[in-house]
Amino acid sequence: MPDDCLFCRIVRGDIPVPFVYETPQCVAFRDINPQAPLHVLVVPREHVASLDAARDPALIGELSLAAAEIARREGVAERGYRTVMNTNAEAGQTVFHVHLHLLGGRALGWPPG
């Protein structure tokens, strides 16, 4: 894991962040700048810079299934939720460690931005 990657530091425990969900493949924690009442980041333990760099479909599937489970646990699954993966700078990716945003708890408009 790169020493300078923010999410790798969180996964390693260098930056203490409470996890809302955890598996051997991924962790999830609340976003520090939430864009909805529920805004959780689902992050693989393995460092992968972006969706473009991902080579393991099971890892990407794990992030999606983790988000669905968190949405159920947080009580937003039936009302609806959104999952988003920003890929590279122009799409808004600011931390270059692939991650999935789980957003819910309010009506989410379309198009998103």
PDB file of N, CA and C in Angstrom:
ATOM      1  N   MET A   1       0.845  -1.185   0.000  1.00  0.00           N
ATOM      2  CA  MET A   1       0.000   0.000   0.000  1.00  0.00           C
ATOM      3  C   MET A   1       0.886   1.243   0.000  1.00  0.00           C
ATOM      4  N   PRO A   2       0.572   2.198  -0.849  1.00  0.00           N
ATOM      5  CA  PRO A   2       1.371   3.427  -0.862  1.00  0.00           C
ATOM      6  C   PRO A   2       1.283   4.183   0.465  1.00  0.00           C
ATOM      7  N   ASP A   3       2.403   4.701   0.910  1.00  0.00           N
ATOM      8  CA  ASP A   3       2.457   5.426   2.178  1.00  0.00           C
ATOM      9  C   ASP A   3       1.698   6.747   2.139  1.00  0.00           C
ATOM     10  N   ASP A   4       1.590   7.352   0.953  1.00  0.00           N
ATOM     11  CA  ASP A   4       0.974   8.674   0.858  1.00  0.00           C
ATOM     12  C   ASP A   4      -0.502   8.652   0.475  1.00  0.00           C
ATOM     13  N   CYS A   5      -1.081   7.472   0.258  1.00  0.00           N
ATOM     14  CA  CYS A   5      -2.489   7.364  -0.110  1.00  0.00           C
ATOM     15  C   CYS A   5      -3.360   7.489   1.148  1.00  0.00           C
ATOM     16  N   LEU A   6      -4.258   8.456   1.145  1.00  0.00           N
ATOM     17  CA  LEU A   6      -5.133   8.698   2.291  1.00  0.00           C
ATOM     18  C   LEU A   6      -5.930   7.453   2.666  1.00  0.00           C
ATOM     19  N   PHE A   7      -6.542   6.799   1.688  1.00  0.00           N
ATOM     20  CA  PHE A   7      -7.372   5.638   2.002  1.00  0.00           C
ATOM     21  C   PHE A   7      -6.536   4.447   2.447  1.00  0.00           C
ATOM     22  N   CYS A   8      -5.333   4.279   1.911  1.00  0.00           N
ATOM     23  CA  CYS A   8      -4.447   3.216   2.402  1.00  0.00           C
ATOM     24  C   CYS A   8      -4.094   3.464   3.864  1.00  0.00           C
ATOM     25  N   ARG A   9      -3.876   4.723   4.220  1.00  0.00           N
ATOM     26  CA  ARG A   9      -3.566   5.066   5.619  1.00  0.00           C
ATOM     27  C   ARG A   9      -4.757   4.754   6.527  1.00  0.00           C
ATOM     28  N   ILE A  10      -5.967   5.005   6.051  1.00  0.00           N
ATOM     29  CA  ILE A  10      -7.168   4.676   6.826  1.00  0.00           C
ATOM     30  C   ILE A  10      -7.297   3.158   6.962  1.00  0.00           C
ATOM     31  N   VAL A  11      -7.132   2.426   5.865  1.00  0.00           N
ATOM     32  CA  VAL A  11      -7.238   0.963   5.898  1.00  0.00           C
ATOM     33  C   VAL A  11      -6.228   0.371   6.870  1.00  0.00           C
ATOM     34  N   ARG A  12      -4.988   0.887   6.868  1.00  0.00           N
ATOM     35  CA  ARG A  12      -3.929   0.385   7.762  1.00  0.00           C
ATOM     36  C   ARG A  12      -4.169   0.760   9.222  1.00  0.00           C
ATOM     37  N   GLY A  13      -5.011   1.752   9.467  1.00  0.00           N
ATOM     38  CA  GLY A  13      -5.244   2.203  10.834  1.00  0.00           C
ATOM     39  C   GLY A  13      -4.346   3.350  11.240  1.00  0.00           C
ATOM     40  N   ASP A  14      -3.554   3.896  10.310  1.00  0.00           N
ATOM     41  CA  ASP A  14      -2.702   5.050  10.611  1.00  0.00           C
ATOM     42  C   ASP A  14      -3.542   6.279  10.939  1.00  0.00           C
ATOM     43  N   ILE A  15      -4.680   6.384  10.293  1.00  0.00           N
ATOM     44  CA  ILE A  15      -5.654   7.445  10.564  1.00  0.00           C
ATOM     45  C   ILE A  15      -6.877   6.749  11.142  1.00  0.00           C
ATOM     46  N   PRO A  16      -7.155   6.962  12.428  1.00  0.00           N
ATOM     47  CA  PRO A  16      -8.279   6.248  13.044  1.00  0.00           C
ATOM     48  C   PRO A  16      -9.628   6.781  12.559  1.00  0.00           C
ATOM     49  N   VAL A  17     -10.368   5.924  11.918  1.00  0.00           N
ATOM     50  CA  VAL A  17     -11.697   6.250  11.404  1.00  0.00           C
ATOM     51  C   VAL A  17     -12.607   5.082  11.769  1.00  0.00           C
ATOM     52  N   PRO A  18     -13.765   5.352  12.361  1.00  0.00           N
ATOM     53  CA  PRO A  18     -14.679   4.248  12.669  1.00  0.00           C
ATOM     54  C   PRO A  18     -15.276   3.669  11.384  1.00  0.00           C
ATOM     55  N   PHE A  19     -15.174   2.367  11.240  1.00  0.00           N
ATOM     56  CA  PHE A  19     -15.756   1.684  10.091  1.00  0.00           C
ATOM     57  C   PHE A  19     -17.215   1.366  10.382  1.00  0.00           C
ATOM     58  N   VAL A  20     -18.090   1.595   9.402  1.00  0.00           N
ATOM     59  CA  VAL A  20     -19.494   1.216   9.532  1.00  0.00           C
ATOM     60  C   VAL A  20     -19.728  -0.175   8.971  1.00  0.00           C
ATOM     61  N   TYR A  21     -18.736  -0.686   8.235  1.00  0.00           N
ATOM     62  CA  TYR A  21     -18.834  -2.006   7.618  1.00  0.00           C
ATOM     63  C   TYR A  21     -17.413  -2.453   7.301  1.00  0.00           C
ATOM     64  N   GLU A  22     -17.207  -3.771   7.376  1.00  0.00           N
ATOM     65  CA  GLU A  22     -15.856  -4.283   7.161  1.00  0.00           C
ATOM     66  C   GLU A  22     -15.930  -5.738   6.715  1.00  0.00           C
ATOM     67  N   THR A  23     -15.163  -6.077   5.686  1.00  0.00           N
ATOM     68  CA  THR A  23     -14.998  -7.464   5.250  1.00  0.00           C
ATOM     69  C   THR A  23     -13.496  -7.669   5.029  1.00  0.00           C
ATOM     70  N   PRO A  24     -13.077  -8.880   4.741  1.00  0.00           N
ATOM     71  CA  PRO A  24     -11.659  -9.086   4.432  1.00  0.00           C
ATOM     72  C   PRO A  24     -11.202  -8.305   3.191  1.00  0.00           C
ATOM     73  N   GLN A  25     -12.139  -7.939   2.298  1.00  0.00           N
ATOM     74  CA  GLN A  25     -11.779  -7.235   1.072  1.00  0.00           C
ATOM     75  C   GLN A  25     -11.961  -5.727   1.119  1.00  0.00           C
ATOM     76  N   CYS A  26     -12.838  -5.223   2.001  1.00  0.00           N
ATOM     77  CA  CYS A  26     -13.132  -3.789   1.978  1.00  0.00           C
ATOM     78  C   CYS A  26     -13.523  -3.260   3.352  1.00  0.00           C
ATOM     79  N   VAL A  27     -13.485  -1.936   3.449  1.00  0.00           N
ATOM     80  CA  VAL A  27     -13.970  -1.233   4.634  1.00  0.00           C
ATOM     81  C   VAL A  27     -14.883  -0.101   4.159  1.00  0.00           C
ATOM     82  N   ALA A  28     -15.735   0.376   5.050  1.00  0.00           N
ATOM     83  CA  ALA A  28     -16.618   1.491   4.728  1.00  0.00           C
ATOM     84  C   ALA A  28     -16.668   2.438   5.914  1.00  0.00           C
ATOM     85  N   PHE A  29     -16.696   3.730   5.603  1.00  0.00           N
ATOM     86  CA  PHE A  29     -16.728   4.759   6.633  1.00  0.00           C
ATOM     87  C   PHE A  29     -17.470   5.979   6.107  1.00  0.00           C
ATOM     88  N   ARG A  30     -17.932   6.814   7.020  1.00  0.00           N
ATOM     89  CA  ARG A  30     -18.717   7.994   6.643  1.00  0.00           C
ATOM     90  C   ARG A  30     -17.804   9.054   6.023  1.00  0.00           C
ATOM     91  N   ASP A  31     -18.318   9.693   4.982  1.00  0.00           N
ATOM     92  CA  ASP A  31     -17.583  10.759   4.304  1.00  0.00           C
ATOM     93  C   ASP A  31     -17.489  11.975   5.227  1.00  0.00           C
ATOM     94  N   ILE A  32     -16.326  12.625   5.258  1.00  0.00           N
ATOM     95  CA  ILE A  32     -16.164  13.801   6.129  1.00  0.00           C
ATOM     96  C   ILE A  32     -16.867  15.038   5.568  1.00  0.00           C
ATOM     97  N   ASN A  33     -17.268  15.001   4.297  1.00  0.00           N
ATOM     98  CA  ASN A  33     -17.988  16.102   3.672  1.00  0.00           C
ATOM     99  C   ASN A  33     -19.253  15.536   3.017  1.00  0.00           C
ATOM    100  N   PRO A  34     -20.219  15.106   3.839  1.00  0.00           N
ATOM    101  CA  PRO A  34     -21.377  14.395   3.291  1.00  0.00           C
ATOM    102  C   PRO A  34     -22.221  15.244   2.347  1.00  0.00           C
ATOM    103  N   GLN A  35     -22.664  14.615   1.262  1.00  0.00           N
ATOM    104  CA  GLN A  35     -23.524  15.256   0.275  1.00  0.00           C
ATOM    105  C   GLN A  35     -24.977  14.803   0.409  1.00  0.00           C
ATOM    106  N   ALA A  36     -25.255  13.964   1.383  1.00  0.00           N
ATOM    107  CA  ALA A  36     -26.605  13.468   1.674  1.00  0.00           C
ATOM    108  C   ALA A  36     -26.601  13.019   3.135  1.00  0.00           C
ATOM    109  N   PRO A  37     -27.777  12.839   3.739  1.00  0.00           N
ATOM    110  CA  PRO A  37     -27.814  12.375   5.129  1.00  0.00           C
ATOM    111  C   PRO A  37     -27.000  11.093   5.346  1.00  0.00           C
ATOM    112  N   LEU A  38     -27.035  10.193   4.364  1.00  0.00           N
ATOM    113  CA  LEU A  38     -26.172   9.013   4.394  1.00  0.00           C
ATOM    114  C   LEU A  38     -25.159   9.177   3.269  1.00  0.00           C
ATOM    115  N   HIS A  39     -23.896   9.265   3.629  1.00  0.00           N
ATOM    116  CA  HIS A  39     -22.823   9.336   2.631  1.00  0.00           C
ATOM    117  C   HIS A  39     -21.657   8.528   3.176  1.00  0.00           C
ATOM    118  N   VAL A  40     -21.525   7.325   2.651  1.00  0.00           N
ATOM    119  CA  VAL A  40     -20.508   6.379   3.100  1.00  0.00           C
ATOM    120  C   VAL A  40     -19.580   6.079   1.931  1.00  0.00           C
ATOM    121  N   LEU A  41     -18.299   5.957   2.217  1.00  0.00           N
ATOM    122  CA  LEU A  41     -17.315   5.543   1.226  1.00  0.00           C
ATOM    123  C   LEU A  41     -16.985   4.076   1.450  1.00  0.00           C
ATOM    124  N   VAL A  42     -17.040   3.293   0.396  1.00  0.00           N
ATOM    125  CA  VAL A  42     -16.691   1.876   0.447  1.00  0.00           C
ATOM    126  C   VAL A  42     -15.376   1.727  -0.316  1.00  0.00           C
ATOM    127  N   VAL A  43     -14.354   1.245   0.389  1.00  0.00           N
ATOM    128  CA  VAL A  43     -12.976   1.279  -0.097  1.00  0.00           C
ATOM    129  C   VAL A  43     -12.374  -0.123  -0.039  1.00  0.00           C
ATOM    130  N   PRO A  44     -11.754  -0.591  -1.122  1.00  0.00           N
ATOM    131  CA  PRO A  44     -11.074  -1.879  -1.024  1.00  0.00           C
ATOM    132  C   PRO A  44      -9.817  -1.764  -0.162  1.00  0.00           C
ATOM    133  N   ARG A  45      -9.485  -2.828   0.521  1.00  0.00           N
ATOM    134  CA  ARG A  45      -8.247  -2.843   1.311  1.00  0.00           C
ATOM    135  C   ARG A  45      -7.028  -2.786   0.398  1.00  0.00           C
ATOM    136  N   GLU A  46      -7.152  -3.365  -0.774  1.00  0.00           N
ATOM    137  CA  GLU A  46      -6.074  -3.361  -1.760  1.00  0.00           C
ATOM    138  C   GLU A  46      -6.031  -2.001  -2.459  1.00  0.00           C
ATOM    139  N   HIS A  47      -4.838  -1.462  -2.661  1.00  0.00           N
ATOM    140  CA  HIS A  47      -4.730  -0.189  -3.373  1.00  0.00           C
ATOM    141  C   HIS A  47      -4.891  -0.418  -4.868  1.00  0.00           C
ATOM    142  N   VAL A  48      -5.908   0.232  -5.426  1.00  0.00           N
ATOM    143  CA  VAL A  48      -6.139   0.294  -6.865  1.00  0.00           C
ATOM    144  C   VAL A  48      -6.450   1.768  -7.125  1.00  0.00           C
ATOM    145  N   ALA A  49      -5.719   2.398  -8.022  1.00  0.00           N
ATOM    146  CA  ALA A  49      -5.816   3.855  -8.173  1.00  0.00           C
ATOM    147  C   ALA A  49      -7.191   4.350  -8.624  1.00  0.00           C
ATOM    148  N   SER A  50      -7.809   3.655  -9.559  1.00  0.00           N
ATOM    149  CA  SER A  50      -9.104   4.107 -10.075  1.00  0.00           C
ATOM    150  C   SER A  50      -9.818   2.916 -10.698  1.00  0.00           C
ATOM    151  N   LEU A  51     -11.051   3.134 -11.111  1.00  0.00           N
ATOM    152  CA  LEU A  51     -11.790   2.072 -11.782  1.00  0.00           C
ATOM    153  C   LEU A  51     -11.070   1.660 -13.069  1.00  0.00           C
ATOM    154  N   ASP A  52     -10.435   2.612 -13.736  1.00  0.00           N
ATOM    155  CA  ASP A  52      -9.666   2.292 -14.945  1.00  0.00           C
ATOM    156  C   ASP A  52      -8.532   1.321 -14.666  1.00  0.00           C
ATOM    157  N   ALA A  53      -7.973   1.364 -13.473  1.00  0.00           N
ATOM    158  CA  ALA A  53      -6.850   0.489 -13.120  1.00  0.00           C
ATOM    159  C   ALA A  53      -7.301  -0.854 -12.553  1.00  0.00           C
ATOM    160  N   ALA A  54      -8.591  -0.993 -12.264  1.00  0.00           N
ATOM    161  CA  ALA A  54      -9.098  -2.232 -11.656  1.00  0.00           C
ATOM    162  C   ALA A  54      -9.044  -3.379 -12.654  1.00  0.00           C
ATOM    163  N   ARG A  55      -8.651  -4.544 -12.175  1.00  0.00           N
ATOM    164  CA  ARG A  55      -8.581  -5.736 -13.024  1.00  0.00           C
ATOM    165  C   ARG A  55      -9.379  -6.904 -12.453  1.00  0.00           C
ATOM    166  N   ASP A  56      -9.872  -6.754 -11.226  1.00  0.00           N
ATOM    167  CA  ASP A  56     -10.570  -7.850 -10.556  1.00  0.00           C
ATOM    168  C   ASP A  56     -12.060  -7.536 -10.463  1.00  0.00           C
ATOM    169  N   PRO A  57     -12.886  -8.167 -11.310  1.00  0.00           N
ATOM    170  CA  PRO A  57     -14.318  -7.876 -11.244  1.00  0.00           C
ATOM    171  C   PRO A  57     -14.933  -8.241  -9.896  1.00  0.00           C
ATOM    172  N   ALA A  58     -14.384  -9.243  -9.230  1.00  0.00           N
ATOM    173  CA  ALA A  58     -14.923  -9.633  -7.920  1.00  0.00           C
ATOM    174  C   ALA A  58     -14.725  -8.523  -6.897  1.00  0.00           C
ATOM    175  N   LEU A  59     -13.604  -7.808  -6.980  1.00  0.00           N
ATOM    176  CA  LEU A  59     -13.352  -6.712  -6.046  1.00  0.00           C
ATOM    177  C   LEU A  59     -14.367  -5.592  -6.247  1.00  0.00           C
ATOM    178  N   ILE A  60     -14.634  -5.237  -7.490  1.00  0.00           N
ATOM    179  CA  ILE A  60     -15.602  -4.175  -7.774  1.00  0.00           C
ATOM    180  C   ILE A  60     -17.002  -4.630  -7.362  1.00  0.00           C
ATOM    181  N   GLY A  61     -17.318  -5.900  -7.596  1.00  0.00           N
ATOM    182  CA  GLY A  61     -18.598  -6.441  -7.148  1.00  0.00           C
ATOM    183  C   GLY A  61     -18.732  -6.411  -5.636  1.00  0.00           C
ATOM    184  N   GLU A  62     -17.643  -6.692  -4.939  1.00  0.00           N
ATOM    185  CA  GLU A  62     -17.635  -6.653  -3.468  1.00  0.00           C
ATOM    186  C   GLU A  62     -18.017  -5.265  -2.962  1.00  0.00           C
ATOM    187  N   LEU A  63     -17.500  -4.218  -3.611  1.00  0.00           N
ATOM    188  CA  LEU A  63     -17.827  -2.847  -3.194  1.00  0.00           C
ATOM    189  C   LEU A  63     -19.321  -2.582  -3.370  1.00  0.00           C
ATOM    190  N   SER A  64     -19.876  -3.028  -4.481  1.00  0.00           N
ATOM    191  CA  SER A  64     -21.303  -2.810  -4.742  1.00  0.00           C
ATOM    192  C   SER A  64     -22.184  -3.569  -3.761  1.00  0.00           C
ATOM    193  N   LEU A  65     -21.851  -4.825  -3.501  1.00  0.00           N
ATOM    194  CA  LEU A  65     -22.649  -5.606  -2.551  1.00  0.00           C
ATOM    195  C   LEU A  65     -22.509  -5.078  -1.125  1.00  0.00           C
ATOM    196  N   ALA A  66     -21.331  -4.567  -0.788  1.00  0.00           N
ATOM    197  CA  ALA A  66     -21.147  -3.943   0.528  1.00  0.00           C
ATOM    198  C   ALA A  66     -22.051  -2.715   0.652  1.00  0.00           C
ATOM    199  N   ALA A  67     -22.111  -1.905  -0.402  1.00  0.00           N
ATOM    200  CA  ALA A  67     -22.966  -0.715  -0.378  1.00  0.00           C
ATOM    201  C   ALA A  67     -24.433  -1.105  -0.185  1.00  0.00           C
ATOM    202  N   ALA A  68     -24.885  -2.157  -0.868  1.00  0.00           N
ATOM    203  CA  ALA A  68     -26.273  -2.603  -0.720  1.00  0.00           C
ATOM    204  C   ALA A  68     -26.552  -3.045   0.716  1.00  0.00           C
ATOM    205  N   GLU A  69     -25.619  -3.756   1.324  1.00  0.00           N
ATOM    206  CA  GLU A  69     -25.798  -4.197   2.710  1.00  0.00           C
ATOM    207  C   GLU A  69     -25.829  -3.003   3.667  1.00  0.00           C
ATOM    208  N   ILE A  70     -24.959  -2.043   3.457  1.00  0.00           N
ATOM    209  CA  ILE A  70     -24.939  -0.847   4.310  1.00  0.00           C
ATOM    210  C   ILE A  70     -26.256  -0.091   4.158  1.00  0.00           C
ATOM    211  N   ALA A  71     -26.753   0.038   2.932  1.00  0.00           N
ATOM    212  CA  ALA A  71     -28.030   0.725   2.706  1.00  0.00           C
ATOM    213  C   ALA A  71     -29.160   0.033   3.464  1.00  0.00           C
ATOM    214  N   ARG A  72     -29.155  -1.308   3.467  1.00  0.00           N
ATOM    215  CA  ARG A  72     -30.176  -2.037   4.246  1.00  0.00           C
ATOM    216  C   ARG A  72     -30.016  -1.739   5.732  1.00  0.00           C
ATOM    217  N   ARG A  73     -28.789  -1.834   6.240  1.00  0.00           N
ATOM    218  CA  ARG A  73     -28.542  -1.599   7.669  1.00  0.00           C
ATOM    219  C   ARG A  73     -28.896  -0.182   8.094  1.00  0.00           C
ATOM    220  N   GLU A  74     -28.690   0.775   7.202  1.00  0.00           N
ATOM    221  CA  GLU A  74     -28.955   2.184   7.521  1.00  0.00           C
ATOM    222  C   GLU A  74     -30.401   2.588   7.272  1.00  0.00           C
ATOM    223  N   GLY A  75     -31.202   1.657   6.754  1.00  0.00           N
ATOM    224  CA  GLY A  75     -32.630   1.912   6.583  1.00  0.00           C
ATOM    225  C   GLY A  75     -33.007   2.734   5.359  1.00  0.00           C
ATOM    226  N   VAL A  76     -32.155   2.783   4.335  1.00  0.00           N
ATOM    227  CA  VAL A  76     -32.488   3.564   3.139  1.00  0.00           C
ATOM    228  C   VAL A  76     -32.744   2.692   1.908  1.00  0.00           C
ATOM    229  N   ALA A  77     -32.555   1.399   2.016  1.00  0.00           N
ATOM    230  CA  ALA A  77     -32.636   0.530   0.843  1.00  0.00           C
ATOM    231  C   ALA A  77     -34.003   0.587   0.168  1.00  0.00           C
ATOM    232  N   GLU A  78     -35.059   0.512   0.927  1.00  0.00           N
ATOM    233  CA  GLU A  78     -36.402   0.496   0.327  1.00  0.00           C
ATOM    234  C   GLU A  78     -36.759   1.824  -0.304  1.00  0.00           C
ATOM    235  N   ARG A  79     -36.352   2.932   0.312  1.00  0.00           N
ATOM    236  CA  ARG A  79     -36.648   4.262  -0.231  1.00  0.00           C
ATOM    237  C   ARG A  79     -35.800   4.547  -1.459  1.00  0.00           C
ATOM    238  N   GLY A  80     -34.568   4.055  -1.454  1.00  0.00           N
ATOM    239  CA  GLY A  80     -33.674   4.252  -2.586  1.00  0.00           C
ATOM    240  C   GLY A  80     -32.364   4.881  -2.171  1.00  0.00           C
ATOM    241  N   TYR A  81     -31.337   4.562  -2.922  1.00  0.00           N
ATOM    242  CA  TYR A  81     -29.997   5.089  -2.670  1.00  0.00           C
ATOM    243  C   TYR A  81     -29.234   5.112  -3.981  1.00  0.00           C
ATOM    244  N   ARG A  82     -28.133   5.800  -3.978  1.00  0.00           N
ATOM    245  CA  ARG A  82     -27.299   5.922  -5.177  1.00  0.00           C
ATOM    246  C   ARG A  82     -25.891   5.456  -4.850  1.00  0.00           C
ATOM    247  N   THR A  83     -25.277   4.791  -5.814  1.00  0.00           N
ATOM    248  CA  THR A  83     -23.863   4.455  -5.715  1.00  0.00           C
ATOM    249  C   THR A  83     -23.147   5.154  -6.867  1.00  0.00           C
ATOM    250  N   VAL A  84     -21.971   5.706  -6.556  1.00  0.00           N
ATOM    251  CA  VAL A  84     -21.215   6.472  -7.540  1.00  0.00           C
ATOM    252  C   VAL A  84     -19.739   6.125  -7.405  1.00  0.00           C
ATOM    253  N   MET A  85     -19.084   5.936  -8.553  1.00  0.00           N
ATOM    254  CA  MET A  85     -17.625   5.809  -8.592  1.00  0.00           C
ATOM    255  C   MET A  85     -17.113   6.898  -9.529  1.00  0.00           C
ATOM    256  N   ASN A  86     -16.459   7.892  -8.975  1.00  0.00           N
ATOM    257  CA  ASN A  86     -15.836   8.920  -9.799  1.00  0.00           C
ATOM    258  C   ASN A  86     -14.492   8.371 -10.281  1.00  0.00           C
ATOM    259  N   THR A  87     -14.241   8.497 -11.578  1.00  0.00           N
ATOM    260  CA  THR A  87     -13.022   7.935 -12.144  1.00  0.00           C
ATOM    261  C   THR A  87     -12.203   9.023 -12.821  1.00  0.00           C
ATOM    262  N   ASN A  88     -11.098   9.341 -12.191  1.00  0.00           N
ATOM    263  CA  ASN A  88     -10.121  10.339 -12.651  1.00  0.00           C
ATOM    264  C   ASN A  88     -10.606  11.767 -12.384  1.00  0.00           C
ATOM    265  N   ALA A  89      -9.707  12.703 -12.579  1.00  0.00           N
ATOM    266  CA  ALA A  89      -9.891  14.078 -12.102  1.00  0.00           C
ATOM    267  C   ALA A  89     -11.120  14.778 -12.662  1.00  0.00           C
ATOM    268  N   GLU A  90     -11.366  14.684 -13.946  1.00  0.00           N
ATOM    269  CA  GLU A  90     -12.481  15.424 -14.538  1.00  0.00           C
ATOM    270  C   GLU A  90     -13.832  14.938 -14.028  1.00  0.00           C
ATOM    271  N   ALA A  91     -13.894  13.705 -13.570  1.00  0.00           N
ATOM    272  CA  ALA A  91     -15.130  13.166 -13.000  1.00  0.00           C
ATOM    273  C   ALA A  91     -15.265  13.485 -11.519  1.00  0.00           C
ATOM    274  N   GLY A  92     -14.236  14.084 -10.925  1.00  0.00           N
ATOM    275  CA  GLY A  92     -14.309  14.478  -9.521  1.00  0.00           C
ATOM    276  C   GLY A  92     -13.564  13.575  -8.572  1.00  0.00           C
ATOM    277  N   GLN A  93     -12.795  12.611  -9.073  1.00  0.00           N
ATOM    278  CA  GLN A  93     -12.015  11.756  -8.164  1.00  0.00           C
ATOM    279  C   GLN A  93     -10.888  12.592  -7.572  1.00  0.00           C
ATOM    280  N   THR A  94     -10.854  12.682  -6.240  1.00  0.00           N
ATOM    281  CA  THR A  94      -9.817  13.465  -5.561  1.00  0.00           C
ATOM    282  C   THR A  94      -8.847  12.597  -4.778  1.00  0.00           C
ATOM    283  N   VAL A  95      -9.278  11.402  -4.390  1.00  0.00           N
ATOM    284  CA  VAL A  95      -8.384  10.440  -3.744  1.00  0.00           C
ATOM    285  C   VAL A  95      -8.213   9.295  -4.735  1.00  0.00           C
ATOM    286  N   PHE A  96      -6.980   9.071  -5.161  1.00  0.00           N
ATOM    287  CA  PHE A  96      -6.732   8.084  -6.210  1.00  0.00           C
ATOM    288  C   PHE A  96      -6.483   6.699  -5.628  1.00  0.00           C
ATOM    289  N   HIS A  97      -7.555   6.207  -5.016  1.00  0.00           N
ATOM    290  CA  HIS A  97      -7.718   4.849  -4.498  1.00  0.00           C
ATOM    291  C   HIS A  97      -9.181   4.570  -4.796  1.00  0.00           C
ATOM    292  N   VAL A  98      -9.460   3.624  -5.685  1.00  0.00           N
ATOM    293  CA  VAL A  98     -10.838   3.396  -6.117  1.00  0.00           C
ATOM    294  C   VAL A  98     -11.757   3.298  -4.900  1.00  0.00           C
ATOM    295  N   HIS A  99     -12.923   3.916  -4.999  1.00  0.00           N
ATOM    296  CA  HIS A  99     -13.892   3.871  -3.910  1.00  0.00           C
ATOM    297  C   HIS A  99     -15.286   4.146  -4.459  1.00  0.00           C
ATOM    298  N   LEU A 100     -16.261   3.656  -3.730  1.00  0.00           N
ATOM    299  CA  LEU A 100     -17.652   3.804  -4.104  1.00  0.00           C
ATOM    300  C   LEU A 100     -18.331   4.704  -3.082  1.00  0.00           C
ATOM    301  N   HIS A 101     -19.053   5.702  -3.562  1.00  0.00           N
ATOM    302  CA  HIS A 101     -19.863   6.567  -2.703  1.00  0.00           C
ATOM    303  C   HIS A 101     -21.251   5.960  -2.606  1.00  0.00           C
ATOM    304  N   LEU A 102     -21.746   5.806  -1.401  1.00  0.00           N
ATOM    305  CA  LEU A 102     -23.120   5.391  -1.144  1.00  0.00           C
ATOM    306  C   LEU A 102     -23.848   6.605  -0.597  1.00  0.00           C
ATOM    307  N   LEU A 103     -24.885   7.046  -1.303  1.00  0.00           N
ATOM    308  CA  LEU A 103     -25.649   8.241  -0.920  1.00  0.00           C
ATOM    309  C   LEU A 103     -27.112   7.874  -0.741  1.00  0.00           C
ATOM    310  N   GLY A 104     -27.726   8.391   0.309  1.00  0.00           N
ATOM    311  CA  GLY A 104     -29.140   8.132   0.533  1.00  0.00           C
ATOM    312  C   GLY A 104     -29.690   8.991   1.651  1.00  0.00           C
ATOM    313  N   GLY A 105     -30.947   8.770   1.951  1.00  0.00           N
ATOM    314  CA  GLY A 105     -31.582   9.499   3.047  1.00  0.00           C
ATOM    315  C   GLY A 105     -32.309  10.756   2.617  1.00  0.00           C
ATOM    316  N   ARG A 106     -32.309  11.043   1.314  1.00  0.00           N
ATOM    317  CA  ARG A 106     -33.059  12.172   0.759  1.00  0.00           C
ATOM    318  C   ARG A 106     -33.279  11.902  -0.723  1.00  0.00           C
ATOM    319  N   ALA A 107     -34.186  12.642  -1.337  1.00  0.00           N
ATOM    320  CA  ALA A 107     -34.389  12.519  -2.781  1.00  0.00           C
ATOM    321  C   ALA A 107     -33.136  13.014  -3.496  1.00  0.00           C
ATOM    322  N   LEU A 108     -32.673  12.241  -4.437  1.00  0.00           N
ATOM    323  CA  LEU A 108     -31.472  12.586  -5.188  1.00  0.00           C
ATOM    324  C   LEU A 108     -31.879  12.925  -6.617  1.00  0.00           C
ATOM    325  N   GLY A 109     -31.580  14.137  -7.055  1.00  0.00           N
ATOM    326  CA  GLY A 109     -31.986  14.582  -8.382  1.00  0.00           C
ATOM    327  C   GLY A 109     -31.155  13.974  -9.497  1.00  0.00           C
ATOM    328  N   TRP A 110     -31.651  14.149 -10.730  1.00  0.00           N
ATOM    329  CA  TRP A 110     -30.930  13.687 -11.904  1.00  0.00           C
ATOM    330  C   TRP A 110     -31.104  14.727 -12.992  1.00  0.00           C
ATOM    331  N   PRO A 111     -30.096  15.102 -13.732  1.00  0.00           N
ATOM    332  CA  PRO A 111     -28.737  14.568 -13.669  1.00  0.00           C
ATOM    333  C   PRO A 111     -28.016  15.068 -12.427  1.00  0.00           C
ATOM    334  N   PRO A 112     -26.982  14.314 -12.022  1.00  0.00           N
ATOM    335  CA  PRO A 112     -26.315  14.620 -10.754  1.00  0.00           C
ATOM    336  C   PRO A 112     -25.425  15.849 -10.779  1.00  0.00           C
ATOM    337  N   GLY A 113     -24.958  16.300 -11.914  1.00  0.00           N
ATOM    338  CA  GLY A 113     -24.108  17.480 -11.851  1.00  0.00           C
ATOM    339  C   GLY A 113     -23.474  17.865 -13.135  1.00  0.00           C
TER     340      GLY A 113
END
